[in-house]
C-alpha atoms as a PDB file:
ATOM      1  CA  UNK A   1       4.501  30.983 -22.722  1.00  0.00           C
ATOM      2  CA  UNK A   2       3.120  29.153 -25.726  1.00  0.00           C
ATOM      3  CA  UNK A   3       1.285  25.869 -25.700  1.00  0.00           C
ATOM      4  CA  UNK A   4       4.058  24.332 -27.786  1.00  0.00           C
ATOM      5  CA  UNK A   5       6.687  25.069 -25.136  1.00  0.00           C
ATOM      6  CA  UNK A   6       4.403  23.777 -22.359  1.00  0.00           C
ATOM      7  CA  UNK A   7       3.726  20.575 -24.275  1.00  0.00           C
ATOM      8  CA  UNK A   8       7.412  20.015 -24.910  1.00  0.00           C
ATOM      9  CA  UNK A   9       8.251  20.572 -21.218  1.00  0.00           C
ATOM     10  CA  UNK A  10       5.515  18.153 -20.220  1.00  0.00           C
ATOM     11  CA  UNK A  11       6.828  15.495 -22.624  1.00  0.00           C
ATOM     12  CA  UNK A  12      10.375  16.016 -21.326  1.00  0.00           C
ATOM     13  CA  UNK A  13       9.161  15.629 -17.733  1.00  0.00           C
ATOM     14  CA  UNK A  14       7.137  12.482 -18.549  1.00  0.00           C
ATOM     15  CA  UNK A  15      10.076  10.961 -20.425  1.00  0.00           C
ATOM     16  CA  UNK A  16      12.523  11.798 -17.623  1.00  0.00           C
ATOM     17  CA  UNK A  17      10.442  10.422 -14.766  1.00  0.00           C
ATOM     18  CA  UNK A  18       9.248   7.424 -16.772  1.00  0.00           C
ATOM     19  CA  UNK A  19      12.861   6.558 -17.536  1.00  0.00           C
ATOM     20  CA  UNK A  20      13.886   6.977 -13.894  1.00  0.00           C
ATOM     21  CA  UNK A  21      11.071   4.720 -12.658  1.00  0.00           C
ATOM     22  CA  UNK A  22      11.627   2.094 -15.345  1.00  0.00           C
ATOM     23  CA  UNK A  23      15.378   2.007 -14.699  1.00  0.00           C
ATOM     24  CA  UNK A  24      14.624   1.536 -10.989  1.00  0.00           C
ATOM     25  CA  UNK A  25      12.329  -1.401 -11.865  1.00  0.00           C
ATOM     26  CA  UNK A  26      15.078  -2.829 -14.094  1.00  0.00           C
ATOM     27  CA  UNK A  27      17.676  -2.478 -11.327  1.00  0.00           C
ATOM     28  CA  UNK A  28      15.345  -4.087  -8.762  1.00  0.00           C
ATOM     29  CA  UNK A  29      14.600  -6.993 -11.093  1.00  0.00           C
ATOM     30  CA  UNK A  30      18.278  -7.575 -11.845  1.00  0.00           C
ATOM     31  CA  UNK A  31      19.135  -7.360  -8.143  1.00  0.00           C
ATOM     32  CA  UNK A  32      16.493  -9.954  -7.219  1.00  0.00           C
ATOM     33  CA  UNK A  33      17.495 -12.309 -10.065  1.00  0.00           C
ATOM     34  CA  UNK A  34      21.235 -12.044  -9.424  1.00  0.00           C
ATOM     35  CA  UNK A  35      20.757 -12.364  -5.659  1.00  0.00           C
ATOM     36  CA  UNK A  36      18.640 -15.476  -6.189  1.00  0.00           C
ATOM     37  CA  UNK A  37      21.275 -16.944  -8.479  1.00  0.00           C
ATOM     38  CA  UNK A  38      24.112 -16.198  -6.032  1.00  0.00           C
ATOM     39  CA  UNK A  39      22.256 -17.578  -3.000  1.00  0.00           C
ATOM     40  CA  UNK A  40      21.211 -20.755  -4.798  1.00  0.00           C
ATOM     41  CA  UNK A  41      24.631 -21.407  -6.286  1.00  0.00           C
ATOM     42  CA  UNK A  42      24.166 -20.515  -9.945  1.00  0.00           C
ATOM     43  CA  UNK A  43      21.944 -18.977 -12.588  1.00  0.00           C
ATOM     44  CA  UNK A  44      20.385 -22.300 -13.578  1.00  0.00           C
ATOM     45  CA  UNK A  45      19.973 -23.471  -9.949  1.00  0.00           C
ATOM     46  CA  UNK A  46      17.996 -20.473  -8.722  1.00  0.00           C
ATOM     47  CA  UNK A  47      14.709 -21.251  -7.020  1.00  0.00           C
ATOM     48  CA  UNK A  48      11.641 -20.510  -9.036  1.00  0.00           C
ATOM     49  CA  UNK A  49       9.661 -17.924  -7.053  1.00  0.00           C
ATOM     50  CA  UNK A  50      12.440 -15.371  -6.615  1.00  0.00           C
ATOM     51  CA  UNK A  51      14.110 -15.900  -9.967  1.00  0.00           C
ATOM     52  CA  UNK A  52      10.754 -15.592 -11.719  1.00  0.00           C
ATOM     53  CA  UNK A  53       9.923 -12.371  -9.848  1.00  0.00           C
ATOM     54  CA  UNK A  54      13.345 -10.966 -10.708  1.00  0.00           C
ATOM     55  CA  UNK A  55      13.105 -11.936 -14.370  1.00  0.00           C
ATOM     56  CA  UNK A  56       9.582 -10.545 -14.743  1.00  0.00           C
ATOM     57  CA  UNK A  57      10.653  -7.229 -13.183  1.00  0.00           C
ATOM     58  CA  UNK A  58      13.774  -7.209 -15.377  1.00  0.00           C
ATOM     59  CA  UNK A  59      11.715  -7.793 -18.517  1.00  0.00           C
ATOM     60  CA  UNK A  60       9.207  -5.113 -17.536  1.00  0.00           C
ATOM     61  CA  UNK A  61      12.069  -2.716 -16.760  1.00  0.00           C
ATOM     62  CA  UNK A  62      13.785  -3.443 -20.078  1.00  0.00           C
ATOM     63  CA  UNK A  63      10.649  -2.860 -22.137  1.00  0.00           C
ATOM     64  CA  UNK A  64       9.655   0.308 -20.260  1.00  0.00           C
ATOM     65  CA  UNK A  65      13.225   1.659 -20.202  1.00  0.00           C
ATOM     66  CA  UNK A  66      13.547   1.145 -23.935  1.00  0.00           C
ATOM     67  CA  UNK A  67      10.291   3.000 -24.566  1.00  0.00           C
ATOM     68  CA  UNK A  68      11.013   5.894 -22.205  1.00  0.00           C
ATOM     69  CA  UNK A  69      14.654   6.167 -23.328  1.00  0.00           C
ATOM     70  CA  UNK A  70      13.460   6.454 -26.924  1.00  0.00           C
ATOM     71  CA  UNK A  71      10.849   9.021 -25.931  1.00  0.00           C
ATOM     72  CA  UNK A  72      13.405  11.033 -23.970  1.00  0.00           C
ATOM     73  CA  UNK A  73      15.836  10.911 -26.861  1.00  0.00           C
ATOM     74  CA  UNK A  74      13.150  12.156 -29.237  1.00  0.00           C
ATOM     75  CA  UNK A  75      12.050  15.126 -27.089  1.00  0.00           C
ATOM     76  CA  UNK A  76      15.410  16.257 -25.702  1.00  0.00           C
ATOM     77  CA  UNK A  77      17.354  18.848 -27.723  1.00  0.00           C
ATOM     78  CA  UNK A  78      20.393  16.666 -28.406  1.00  0.00           C
ATOM     79  CA  UNK A  79      20.820  17.350 -32.115  1.00  0.00           C
ATOM     80  CA  UNK A  80      22.985  14.911 -34.038  1.00  0.00           C
ATOM     81  CA  UNK A  81      23.734  12.919 -30.885  1.00  0.00           C
ATOM     82  CA  UNK A  82      20.599  10.956 -31.769  1.00  0.00           C
ATOM     83  CA  UNK A  83      22.601   9.188 -34.457  1.00  0.00           C
ATOM     84  CA  UNK A  84      24.836   7.649 -31.762  1.00  0.00           C
ATOM     85  CA  UNK A  85      21.808   5.814 -30.364  1.00  0.00           C
ATOM     86  CA  UNK A  86      20.709   4.438 -33.728  1.00  0.00           C
ATOM     87  CA  UNK A  87      22.531   1.054 -33.605  1.00  0.00           C
ATOM     88  CA  UNK A  88      21.340   0.352 -30.064  1.00  0.00           C
ATOM     89  CA  UNK A  89      17.814   1.486 -30.865  1.00  0.00           C
ATOM     90  CA  UNK A  90      17.653  -0.805 -33.917  1.00  0.00           C
ATOM     91  CA  UNK A  91      18.887  -3.725 -31.791  1.00  0.00           C
ATOM     92  CA  UNK A  92      16.423  -3.108 -28.955  1.00  0.00           C
ATOM     93  CA  UNK A  93      13.417  -2.491 -31.205  1.00  0.00           C
ATOM     94  CA  UNK A  94      14.137  -5.453 -33.463  1.00  0.00           C
ATOM     95  CA  UNK A  95      14.598  -7.820 -30.510  1.00  0.00           C
ATOM     96  CA  UNK A  96      11.354  -6.804 -28.802  1.00  0.00           C
ATOM     97  CA  UNK A  97       9.427  -6.741 -32.063  1.00  0.00           C
ATOM     98  CA  UNK A  98      10.617 -10.241 -32.923  1.00  0.00           C
ATOM     99  CA  UNK A  99      10.154 -11.561 -29.366  1.00  0.00           C
ATOM    100  CA  UNK A 100       6.612 -10.253 -29.048  1.00  0.00           C
ATOM    101  CA  UNK A 101       5.404 -11.157 -32.525  1.00  0.00           C
ATOM    102  CA  UNK A 102       7.236 -14.366 -33.471  1.00  0.00           C
ATOM    103  CA  UNK A 103       8.919 -15.482 -30.259  1.00  0.00           C
ATOM    104  CA  UNK A 104      12.117 -17.424 -29.883  1.00  0.00           C
ATOM    105  CA  UNK A 105      11.667 -21.133 -29.174  1.00  0.00           C
ATOM    106  CA  UNK A 106      13.879 -22.449 -26.404  1.00  0.00           C
ATOM    107  CA  UNK A 107      15.372 -25.914 -26.220  1.00  0.00           C
ATOM    108  CA  UNK A 108      12.948 -28.777 -25.840  1.00  0.00           C
ATOM    109  CA  UNK A 109       9.376 -29.043 -27.002  1.00  0.00           C
ATOM    110  CA  UNK A 110       7.894 -25.663 -27.817  1.00  0.00           C
ATOM    111  CA  UNK A 111       4.816 -24.788 -25.815  1.00  0.00           C
ATOM    112  CA  UNK A 112       3.067 -21.472 -25.409  1.00  0.00           C
ATOM    113  CA  UNK A 113       5.222 -20.476 -22.436  1.00  0.00           C
ATOM    114  CA  UNK A 114       8.543 -21.310 -24.108  1.00  0.00           C
ATOM    115  CA  UNK A 115       8.340 -18.263 -26.355  1.00  0.00           C
ATOM    116  CA  UNK A 116       7.592 -15.883 -23.461  1.00  0.00           C
ATOM    117  CA  UNK A 117      10.030 -12.949 -23.353  1.00  0.00           C
ATOM    118  CA  UNK A 118      10.909 -13.759 -19.733  1.00  0.00           C
ATOM    119  CA  UNK A 119      11.849 -17.328 -20.665  1.00  0.00           C
ATOM    120  CA  UNK A 120      13.876 -16.063 -23.604  1.00  0.00           C
ATOM    121  CA  UNK A 121      15.899 -13.725 -21.391  1.00  0.00           C
ATOM    122  CA  UNK A 122      16.346 -16.394 -18.715  1.00  0.00           C
ATOM    123  CA  UNK A 123      17.584 -19.041 -21.143  1.00  0.00           C
ATOM    124  CA  UNK A 124      19.865 -16.627 -23.014  1.00  0.00           C
ATOM    125  CA  UNK A 125      21.343 -14.383 -20.286  1.00  0.00           C
ATOM    126  CA  UNK A 126      23.865 -13.019 -22.780  1.00  0.00           C
ATOM    127  CA  UNK A 127      20.988 -11.463 -24.731  1.00  0.00           C
ATOM    128  CA  UNK A 128      19.688  -9.908 -21.521  1.00  0.00           C
ATOM    129  CA  UNK A 129      23.104  -8.345 -20.870  1.00  0.00           C
ATOM    130  CA  UNK A 130      23.241  -7.016 -24.448  1.00  0.00           C
ATOM    131  CA  UNK A 131      19.744  -5.524 -24.109  1.00  0.00           C
ATOM    132  CA  UNK A 132      20.583  -3.905 -20.761  1.00  0.00           C
ATOM    133  CA  UNK A 133      23.749  -2.323 -22.192  1.00  0.00           C
ATOM    134  CA  UNK A 134      21.971  -1.139 -25.353  1.00  0.00           C
ATOM    135  CA  UNK A 135      19.086   0.343 -23.354  1.00  0.00           C
ATOM    136  CA  UNK A 136      21.464   2.135 -20.980  1.00  0.00           C
ATOM    137  CA  UNK A 137      23.389   3.499 -23.960  1.00  0.00           C
ATOM    138  CA  UNK A 138      20.202   4.982 -25.422  1.00  0.00           C
ATOM    139  CA  UNK A 139      19.281   6.450 -22.034  1.00  0.00           C
ATOM    140  CA  UNK A 140      22.747   7.994 -21.599  1.00  0.00           C
ATOM    141  CA  UNK A 141      22.785   9.964 -24.876  1.00  0.00           C
ATOM    142  CA  UNK A 142      20.934  13.036 -23.464  1.00  0.00           C
ATOM    143  CA  UNK A 143      23.349  13.158 -20.511  1.00  0.00           C
ATOM    144  CA  UNK A 144      26.372  12.883 -22.798  1.00  0.00           C
ATOM    145  CA  UNK A 145      24.988  15.589 -25.088  1.00  0.00           C
ATOM    146  CA  UNK A 146      24.439  17.932 -22.130  1.00  0.00           C
ATOM    147  CA  UNK A 147      27.939  17.239 -20.802  1.00  0.00           C
ATOM    148  CA  UNK A 148      29.445  17.780 -24.254  1.00  0.00           C
ATOM    149  CA  UNK A 149      27.741  21.157 -24.568  1.00  0.00           C
ATOM    150  CA  UNK A 150      29.041  22.148 -21.124  1.00  0.00           C
ATOM    151  CA  UNK A 151      25.633  22.370 -19.533  1.00  0.00           C
ATOM    152  CA  UNK A 152      24.656  20.930 -16.192  1.00  0.00           C
ATOM    153  CA  UNK A 153      23.746  17.263 -16.129  1.00  0.00           C
ATOM    154  CA  UNK A 154      20.703  18.087 -14.021  1.00  0.00           C
ATOM    155  CA  UNK A 155      17.597  18.551 -16.124  1.00  0.00           C
ATOM    156  CA  UNK A 156      15.992  21.873 -15.242  1.00  0.00           C
ATOM    157  CA  UNK A 157      12.987  21.319 -17.486  1.00  0.00           C
ATOM    158  CA  UNK A 158      10.778  23.477 -15.291  1.00  0.00           C
ATOM    159  CA  UNK A 159      12.890  26.640 -15.378  1.00  0.00           C
ATOM    160  CA  UNK A 160      14.966  26.357 -18.528  1.00  0.00           C
ATOM    161  CA  UNK A 161      13.421  27.478 -21.814  1.00  0.00           C
ATOM    162  CA  UNK A 162      13.299  24.724 -24.364  1.00  0.00           C
ATOM    163  CA  UNK A 163      16.021  25.407 -26.928  1.00  0.00           C
ATOM    164  CA  UNK A 164      15.628  24.634 -30.573  1.00  0.00           C
ATOM    165  CA  UNK A 165      16.839  21.225 -31.656  1.00  0.00           C
ATOM    166  CA  UNK A 166      20.088  21.769 -33.527  1.00  0.00           C
END
């Protein structure tokens, strides 16, 4: 087996497990944040320690999921299905690029913490929902492409030869 095939299998495995772990972090963060909001009577009434933990985990999960979903999409043999992820990828990349370089000021006086990505997602929960949906759509493209081709949804990267990208 050539080094090229081994390298591609390794990248597929890293992308797959990185995406699984980052989606688990995202789900845990959302569960903690939503649970805190439900227990305390509303999104804006949630107590600080648990809501902050949930939002930090959610932000970390969103960033990592976006990166690993993009990596998985680039190394999986999905062909033209990559084009279906283009609008979501542009949205996710442009949001994170803008949030990390410029920042989005929230209401009130702008301090250093007001442009933090966690604060942005907390103050605009609609944007968080849009980012979660867009990230999940990017992550789902390889599964949809496998289903469309009639192959198993389980990734057998260890046994299956890496097909050419068509």
